[in-house]
Amino acid sequence: MALHCGIVGITNVGKTTLFNCISNTKGETTNFAFSTNKSNVGLVLVPDPRLHELEKLQPTEKVIQATVDIVDIPGLTKGANQGEGVGNKFLGDIRNTDALIHVLRCFDSPDLPHIEGSVDPVRDIETIDLELQIKDLESVEKKMPRLEKLIKIGDKEARIAMEVLNKAKEHLENFGNIRDMGLDSKETRHISDLFLLTAKPMLYVCNVDEDSAVHGNSYVESVKTFLTEQKKEILIIAGKLEADIAEFEDMEDRNAFLQDAGLAEPGVNKLVRSAYNLLNLQSFFTVGPKEIKAWTIKKGMNAREAAGVIHSDLERGFIRAEVMKYKDFIELGSENECKAKGKLFVEGKHYIVGDGDILHIRFNV
């Protein structure tokens, strides 16, 4: 699935440090603001312990994880919408993403000065939101004259679209984000062509010091309080600690380090899974002696569409899908046992694939 999740935030909050922990591409980290003029793009493996449980029951030559594209967008600042820093370019990079991870600085460090002179994650949220809102307001206002011309010649659809744009304009002028407007699918259709920045789903990551990795700190509490009504997902991750964890190649050493830090798993694993979910993605599996693979699909896709993710021929010549639920396969131990217990289901093209379904596609081209 060609979907991108962008990492955004004020400069010097630790975005690139987190990006380097999860990505196959490494970005440069410095203590200086605006030290890079391009976004980093990386492919990230989605941690999924179910794959290793499947391997225990079905020996295989290789195990292939699902992936998601992550874009590390250099730090923004006040005036980005007017080109401050290299703001306009970076706002354009944000427009090309499908969801956003907002990294917030929730740690003190005399060696890494905050561009505003003090650490205040709530202020940073408001700064980024304002820059995106101003850019969205420009986009909305730019479309309005085109609709006015159509309205004058009696275009009813244009009149409906104008009503939606006016609602969006008022919301943005009141410092609101489009994602929080509660627009229905019909209303969203009239602004989808604008690829509005504040319409994108948002996940917040509080980047804390090592001592705050488990329970957070006062900065994190201020973020939680500020976002209470929005009900957004908030993760607590110690970026510097995660960078240290990523250096361990030996799993026993890594697990010992995690245990000392009071963590069950690297925080970036949660981040990647949350990003996957934020993009409205899920995985289904194919299981065999040559490979066990997690395939990425959008939630709500049917069996025929899922077959097309494997190969276009499977979608074109789709006959049926043989489906086992992951839980049934693990409990019963094999495909034959699933068949014997009536837990292998034959489904048609309209079957909605569930997260963790094990599929075997029958097709004829």
Protein backbone atom coordinates (compact mmCIF):
# COMPACT_ATOMS: atom_id res chain seq x y z
CA MET A 1 0.00 0.00 0.00
CA ALA A 2 1.57 3.29 -1.10
CA LEU A 3 0.64 5.25 2.02
CA HIS A 4 2.94 7.65 3.87
CA CYS A 5 2.98 8.72 7.51
CA GLY A 6 4.79 12.01 8.15
CA ILE A 7 6.70 12.91 11.31
CA VAL A 8 6.29 16.61 12.12
CA GLY A 9 7.15 19.01 14.91
CA ILE A 10 9.07 22.08 15.98
CA THR A 11 12.80 21.96 15.18
CA ASN A 12 15.04 20.18 17.75
CA VAL A 13 12.37 17.95 19.32
CA GLY A 14 13.95 14.58 18.41
CA LYS A 15 12.00 13.67 15.27
CA THR A 16 15.01 12.44 13.32
CA THR A 17 16.32 10.45 16.32
CA LEU A 18 13.03 8.52 16.41
CA PHE A 19 13.02 8.19 12.61
CA ASN A 20 16.51 6.65 12.72
CA CYS A 21 15.36 4.09 15.32
CA ILE A 22 12.62 2.69 13.09
CA SER A 23 13.68 3.30 9.49
CA ASN A 24 15.97 1.63 6.97
CA THR A 25 17.14 5.15 6.07
CA LYS A 26 19.19 7.26 8.47
CA GLY A 27 18.80 11.02 8.73
CA GLU A 28 21.40 13.42 10.11
CA THR A 29 20.84 14.68 13.66
CA THR A 30 22.38 17.90 14.99
CA ASN A 31 21.90 20.40 17.82
CA PHE A 32 21.22 23.22 15.38
CA ALA A 33 17.87 24.46 14.09
CA PHE A 34 17.16 24.19 10.33
CA SER A 35 20.31 22.15 9.74
CA THR A 36 18.69 20.20 6.91
CA ASN A 37 16.76 21.27 3.85
CA LYS A 38 15.08 18.02 2.82
CA SER A 39 12.75 15.39 4.22
CA ASN A 40 13.98 11.86 4.92
CA VAL A 41 11.90 8.98 3.57
CA GLY A 42 12.27 5.49 5.00
CA LEU A 43 10.68 2.05 4.88
CA VAL A 44 9.68 0.75 8.30
CA LEU A 45 8.98 -2.87 9.28
CA VAL A 46 5.78 -3.28 11.30
CA PRO A 47 6.45 -5.39 14.43
CA ASP A 48 3.94 -8.26 14.57
CA PRO A 49 4.59 -11.12 17.04
CA ARG A 50 1.86 -13.16 15.32
CA LEU A 51 4.28 -13.92 12.48
CA HIS A 52 6.67 -15.73 14.82
CA GLU A 53 3.79 -17.69 16.39
CA LEU A 54 2.77 -18.82 12.90
CA GLU A 55 6.37 -19.87 12.18
CA LYS A 56 6.32 -22.17 15.22
CA LEU A 57 3.49 -24.16 13.60
CA GLN A 58 4.57 -23.85 9.96
CA PRO A 59 8.34 -24.09 9.36
CA THR A 60 9.21 -21.76 6.51
CA GLU A 61 12.16 -20.44 4.53
CA LYS A 62 11.47 -16.79 5.33
CA VAL A 63 9.18 -14.52 7.32
CA ILE A 64 8.21 -11.19 5.74
CA GLN A 65 6.80 -8.36 7.84
CA ALA A 66 4.37 -5.70 6.67
CA THR A 67 5.90 -2.30 5.95
CA VAL A 68 4.87 1.35 6.08
CA ASP A 69 6.55 4.44 4.61
CA ILE A 70 7.61 7.11 7.11
CA VAL A 71 8.62 10.64 6.11
CA ASP A 72 10.75 12.65 8.54
CA ILE A 73 9.84 16.27 7.76
CA PRO A 74 12.40 18.82 9.05
CA GLY A 75 11.34 21.07 11.91
CA LEU A 76 8.80 23.81 11.40
CA THR A 77 8.60 27.13 13.21
CA LYS A 78 6.44 30.22 13.39
CA GLY A 79 5.98 31.70 9.93
CA ALA A 80 6.46 28.41 8.07
CA ASN A 81 3.35 29.21 6.01
CA GLN A 82 5.20 32.33 4.78
CA GLY A 83 8.37 30.42 3.99
CA GLU A 84 10.24 30.86 7.28
CA GLY A 85 13.01 28.26 7.58
CA VAL A 86 12.23 26.43 4.36
CA GLY A 87 8.64 26.23 5.49
CA ASN A 88 6.73 26.19 2.23
CA LYS A 89 8.65 23.17 0.92
CA PHE A 90 8.08 21.25 4.13
CA LEU A 91 4.37 22.12 4.18
CA GLY A 92 4.24 20.68 0.66
CA ASP A 93 5.86 17.48 1.94
CA ILE A 94 3.18 17.29 4.65
CA ARG A 95 0.48 17.63 1.98
CA ASN A 96 1.78 14.45 0.33
CA THR A 97 1.36 12.33 3.49
CA ASP A 98 -1.74 10.40 4.56
CA ALA A 99 -1.37 10.79 8.34
CA LEU A 100 0.86 12.67 10.78
CA ILE A 101 2.91 11.86 13.88
CA HIS A 102 3.49 15.06 15.89
CA VAL A 103 6.61 14.71 18.05
CA LEU A 104 6.61 16.96 21.11
CA ARG A 105 9.64 17.88 23.16
CA CYS A 106 8.95 16.89 26.76
CA PHE A 107 12.48 16.96 28.15
CA ASP A 108 14.99 19.54 29.34
CA SER A 109 18.53 19.72 27.97
CA PRO A 110 21.00 22.60 28.23
CA ASP A 111 22.91 21.08 25.29
CA LEU A 112 19.88 21.26 23.00
CA PRO A 113 18.28 24.71 23.21
CA HIS A 114 14.60 25.05 22.31
CA ILE A 115 14.06 27.49 19.47
CA GLU A 116 11.48 29.40 21.57
CA GLY A 117 13.83 29.60 24.56
CA SER A 118 11.85 27.26 26.85
CA VAL A 119 10.22 23.84 26.76
CA ASP A 120 6.43 24.02 26.39
CA PRO A 121 4.85 21.19 24.38
CA VAL A 122 1.35 22.72 24.48
CA ARG A 123 2.68 25.94 22.93
CA ASP A 124 4.42 23.81 20.28
CA ILE A 125 1.15 22.05 19.44
CA GLU A 126 -0.53 25.42 18.98
CA THR A 127 2.35 26.69 16.83
CA ILE A 128 2.25 23.73 14.43
CA ASP A 129 -1.56 23.74 14.33
CA LEU A 130 -1.62 27.44 13.49
CA GLU A 131 0.85 27.05 10.62
CA LEU A 132 -1.19 24.22 9.11
CA GLN A 133 -4.48 26.06 9.69
CA ILE A 134 -3.25 29.18 7.88
CA LYS A 135 -2.13 27.09 4.90
CA ASP A 136 -5.48 25.28 4.81
CA LEU A 137 -7.34 28.59 4.98
CA GLU A 138 -5.43 29.73 1.90
CA SER A 139 -6.44 26.55 0.06
CA VAL A 140 -10.11 26.90 1.02
CA GLU A 141 -10.29 30.57 0.04
CA LYS A 142 -8.53 29.86 -3.25
CA LYS A 143 -11.25 27.38 -4.28
CA MET A 144 -14.18 29.64 -3.42
CA PRO A 145 -14.06 31.94 -6.51
CA ARG A 146 -14.29 28.91 -8.81
CA LEU A 147 -17.41 27.73 -7.02
CA GLU A 148 -18.96 31.23 -7.09
CA LYS A 149 -18.78 31.20 -10.89
CA LEU A 150 -20.51 27.82 -11.03
CA ILE A 151 -23.19 28.94 -8.58
CA LYS A 152 -24.03 31.91 -10.81
CA ILE A 153 -24.88 29.56 -13.67
CA GLY A 154 -27.12 27.44 -11.43
CA ASP A 155 -24.82 24.57 -10.44
CA LYS A 156 -26.56 23.00 -7.39
CA GLU A 157 -23.56 20.82 -6.51
CA ALA A 158 -21.35 23.90 -6.38
CA ARG A 159 -23.78 25.53 -3.95
CA ILE A 160 -23.55 22.53 -1.61
CA ALA A 161 -19.75 22.54 -1.91
CA MET A 162 -19.67 26.25 -1.03
CA GLU A 163 -21.63 25.56 2.15
CA VAL A 164 -19.00 23.01 3.19
CA LEU A 165 -16.17 25.39 2.37
CA ASN A 166 -17.78 28.15 4.41
CA LYS A 167 -18.05 25.78 7.37
CA ALA A 168 -14.40 24.81 6.96
CA LYS A 169 -13.34 28.45 6.63
CA GLU A 170 -15.14 29.46 9.82
CA HIS A 171 -13.68 26.49 11.69
CA LEU A 172 -10.12 27.32 10.58
CA GLU A 173 -10.55 31.00 11.43
CA ASN A 174 -11.49 29.89 14.96
CA PHE A 175 -8.18 27.94 15.21
CA GLY A 176 -9.84 24.57 14.64
CA ASN A 177 -8.51 21.57 12.70
CA ILE A 178 -10.58 20.06 9.89
CA ARG A 179 -10.12 16.56 11.34
CA ASP A 180 -12.14 17.63 14.39
CA MET A 181 -15.14 19.02 12.46
CA GLY A 182 -17.01 15.73 12.28
CA LEU A 183 -17.71 16.06 8.55
CA ASP A 184 -19.64 13.17 6.98
CA SER A 185 -18.49 11.42 3.79
CA LYS A 186 -20.66 13.62 1.55
CA GLU A 187 -19.20 16.79 3.03
CA THR A 188 -15.65 15.44 2.94
CA ARG A 189 -16.04 14.78 -0.78
CA HIS A 190 -16.21 18.53 -1.45
CA ILE A 191 -12.86 19.29 0.20
CA SER A 192 -10.91 16.08 -0.48
CA ASP A 193 -9.34 17.58 -3.62
CA LEU A 194 -7.64 20.23 -1.44
CA PHE A 195 -5.62 17.65 0.56
CA LEU A 196 -5.99 19.85 3.63
CA LEU A 197 -3.17 19.54 6.15
CA THR A 198 -5.35 19.69 9.27
CA ALA A 199 -7.68 17.01 7.89
CA LYS A 200 -5.01 14.34 8.23
CA PRO A 201 -5.25 11.93 11.20
CA MET A 202 -2.80 12.89 13.97
CA LEU A 203 -0.90 10.87 16.58
CA TYR A 204 1.06 12.66 19.32
CA VAL A 205 4.41 11.41 20.63
CA CYS A 206 5.86 12.89 23.82
CA ASN A 207 9.65 12.60 23.57
CA VAL A 208 10.84 12.39 27.18
CA ASP A 209 14.09 11.87 29.11
CA GLU A 210 15.16 8.36 30.11
CA ASP A 211 13.85 8.68 33.69
CA SER A 212 10.37 9.51 32.35
CA ALA A 213 10.20 6.67 29.80
CA VAL A 214 7.68 4.60 31.78
CA HIS A 215 5.42 7.07 33.56
CA GLY A 216 6.01 10.37 31.75
CA ASN A 217 6.48 13.74 33.46
CA SER A 218 4.79 17.10 34.02
CA TYR A 219 5.23 18.06 30.35
CA VAL A 220 3.37 14.90 29.30
CA GLU A 221 0.58 15.65 31.78
CA SER A 222 0.14 19.13 30.30
CA VAL A 223 -0.21 17.58 26.83
CA LYS A 224 -2.78 15.05 28.07
CA THR A 225 -4.79 17.83 29.72
CA PHE A 226 -4.69 20.00 26.61
CA LEU A 227 -5.80 17.16 24.32
CA THR A 228 -8.47 15.71 26.63
CA GLU A 229 -11.44 16.79 24.54
CA GLN A 230 -9.83 15.77 21.24
CA LYS A 231 -9.31 12.19 22.49
CA LYS A 232 -6.12 11.74 20.46
CA GLU A 233 -3.69 8.89 20.99
CA ILE A 234 -0.62 9.98 22.96
CA LEU A 235 2.54 7.86 23.18
CA ILE A 236 5.42 8.37 25.62
CA ILE A 237 8.83 7.57 24.11
CA ALA A 238 12.36 8.36 25.31
CA GLY A 239 14.11 9.07 22.02
CA LYS A 240 17.69 8.94 23.32
CA LEU A 241 16.96 5.69 25.15
CA GLU A 242 15.38 4.23 22.00
CA ALA A 243 18.52 5.14 20.04
CA ASP A 244 20.59 3.18 22.59
CA ILE A 245 18.22 0.20 22.37
CA ALA A 246 18.48 0.19 18.57
CA GLU A 247 22.26 -0.25 18.83
CA PHE A 248 21.89 -3.74 20.36
CA GLU A 249 22.02 -6.49 17.75
CA ASP A 250 21.91 -9.35 20.27
CA MET A 251 18.31 -9.88 21.41
CA GLU A 252 19.32 -11.09 24.89
CA ASP A 253 21.35 -7.92 25.47
CA ARG A 254 18.49 -5.81 24.14
CA ASN A 255 15.94 -7.51 26.38
CA ALA A 256 18.20 -7.08 29.42
CA PHE A 257 18.58 -3.39 28.61
CA LEU A 258 14.81 -3.03 28.22
CA GLN A 259 14.22 -4.76 31.54
CA ASP A 260 16.63 -2.39 33.29
CA ALA A 261 14.72 0.53 31.77
CA GLY A 262 11.38 -0.90 32.94
CA LEU A 263 10.09 -1.44 29.39
CA ALA A 264 8.42 -4.55 27.95
CA GLU A 265 9.44 -3.64 24.39
CA PRO A 266 11.04 -0.74 22.52
CA GLY A 267 8.70 2.26 22.51
CA VAL A 268 9.24 2.68 18.78
CA ASN A 269 7.50 -0.67 18.22
CA LYS A 270 4.34 0.88 19.66
CA LEU A 271 4.93 3.93 17.50
CA VAL A 272 5.12 1.91 14.28
CA ARG A 273 2.00 -0.13 15.14
CA SER A 274 0.15 3.08 16.01
CA ALA A 275 1.24 4.66 12.72
CA TYR A 276 -0.02 1.57 10.87
CA ASN A 277 -3.38 1.88 12.62
CA LEU A 278 -3.46 5.66 12.08
CA LEU A 279 -3.25 5.01 8.33
CA ASN A 280 -6.32 2.75 8.72
CA LEU A 281 -4.27 -0.31 7.77
CA GLN A 282 -4.35 -3.92 8.88
CA SER A 283 -2.60 -7.15 7.92
CA PHE A 284 -3.67 -10.52 6.60
CA PHE A 285 -1.31 -13.49 6.30
CA THR A 286 -0.32 -16.07 3.74
CA VAL A 287 1.31 -19.14 5.31
CA GLY A 288 3.42 -21.79 3.62
CA PRO A 289 6.77 -23.63 3.60
CA LYS A 290 8.40 -21.05 1.30
CA GLU A 291 7.28 -17.95 3.19
CA ILE A 292 5.00 -16.57 5.84
CA LYS A 293 4.06 -13.03 4.89
CA ALA A 294 2.02 -10.18 6.32
CA TRP A 295 0.17 -8.28 3.59
CA THR A 296 -1.01 -4.71 4.11
CA ILE A 297 -4.57 -3.70 3.25
CA LYS A 298 -6.92 -0.87 4.14
CA LYS A 299 -9.49 -1.79 6.78
CA GLY A 300 -12.76 -2.74 5.11
CA MET A 301 -11.24 -4.22 1.95
CA ASN A 302 -12.94 -7.33 0.58
CA ALA A 303 -11.35 -10.65 -0.35
CA ARG A 304 -11.03 -9.84 -4.05
CA GLU A 305 -9.31 -6.50 -3.32
CA ALA A 306 -7.00 -8.23 -0.85
CA ALA A 307 -6.11 -10.77 -3.51
CA GLY A 308 -5.11 -7.90 -5.77
CA VAL A 309 -2.58 -6.73 -3.17
CA ILE A 310 -0.78 -10.07 -3.65
CA HIS A 311 -0.97 -9.91 -7.47
CA SER A 312 -3.30 -8.34 -10.02
CA ASP A 313 -3.89 -11.76 -11.62
CA LEU A 314 -5.38 -13.05 -8.37
CA GLU A 315 -7.87 -10.18 -8.32
CA ARG A 316 -8.71 -10.51 -12.01
CA GLY A 317 -9.28 -14.27 -11.86
CA PHE A 318 -10.61 -14.46 -8.30
CA ILE A 319 -12.79 -17.51 -7.60
CA ARG A 320 -12.87 -17.77 -3.81
CA ALA A 321 -10.83 -17.29 -0.66
CA GLU A 322 -10.16 -20.04 1.85
CA VAL A 323 -10.00 -18.30 5.22
CA MET A 324 -8.73 -19.33 8.63
CA LYS A 325 -8.85 -17.02 11.62
CA TYR A 326 -5.44 -16.51 13.24
CA LYS A 327 -6.77 -17.48 16.68
CA ASP A 328 -8.25 -20.74 15.34
CA PHE A 329 -5.04 -21.65 13.50
CA ILE A 330 -2.90 -21.07 16.60
CA GLU A 331 -5.26 -23.00 18.89
CA LEU A 332 -5.73 -25.96 16.50
CA GLY A 333 -2.16 -26.03 15.18
CA SER A 334 -2.58 -26.69 11.47
CA GLU A 335 -4.71 -26.17 8.38
CA ASN A 336 -5.81 -29.81 8.47
CA GLU A 337 -7.09 -29.44 12.03
CA CYS A 338 -8.92 -26.26 11.05
CA LYS A 339 -10.61 -28.17 8.22
CA ALA A 340 -11.51 -31.06 10.52
CA LYS A 341 -13.03 -28.72 13.12
CA GLY A 342 -14.97 -26.66 10.58
CA LYS A 343 -12.74 -23.61 11.06
CA LEU A 344 -11.68 -23.22 7.44
CA PHE A 345 -14.22 -21.04 5.67
CA VAL A 346 -14.81 -20.64 1.95
CA GLU A 347 -15.65 -17.01 1.20
CA GLY A 348 -16.62 -15.08 -1.93
CA LYS A 349 -15.33 -11.79 -3.29
CA HIS A 350 -17.50 -9.66 -0.98
CA TYR A 351 -16.08 -11.13 2.23
CA ILE A 352 -14.54 -8.33 4.35
CA VAL A 353 -11.07 -9.44 5.37
CA GLY A 354 -10.37 -9.30 9.10
CA ASP A 355 -7.11 -8.33 10.78
CA GLY A 356 -4.94 -11.45 11.06
CA ASP A 357 -6.98 -13.58 8.66
CA ILE A 358 -4.97 -16.33 6.96
CA LEU A 359 -5.96 -16.46 3.28
CA HIS A 360 -5.45 -18.88 0.44
CA ILE A 361 -6.76 -17.44 -2.82
CA ARG A 362 -8.21 -19.69 -5.50
CA PHE A 363 -8.14 -18.05 -8.95
CA ASN A 364 -8.18 -18.81 -12.66
CA VAL A 365 -6.79 -16.53 -15.37
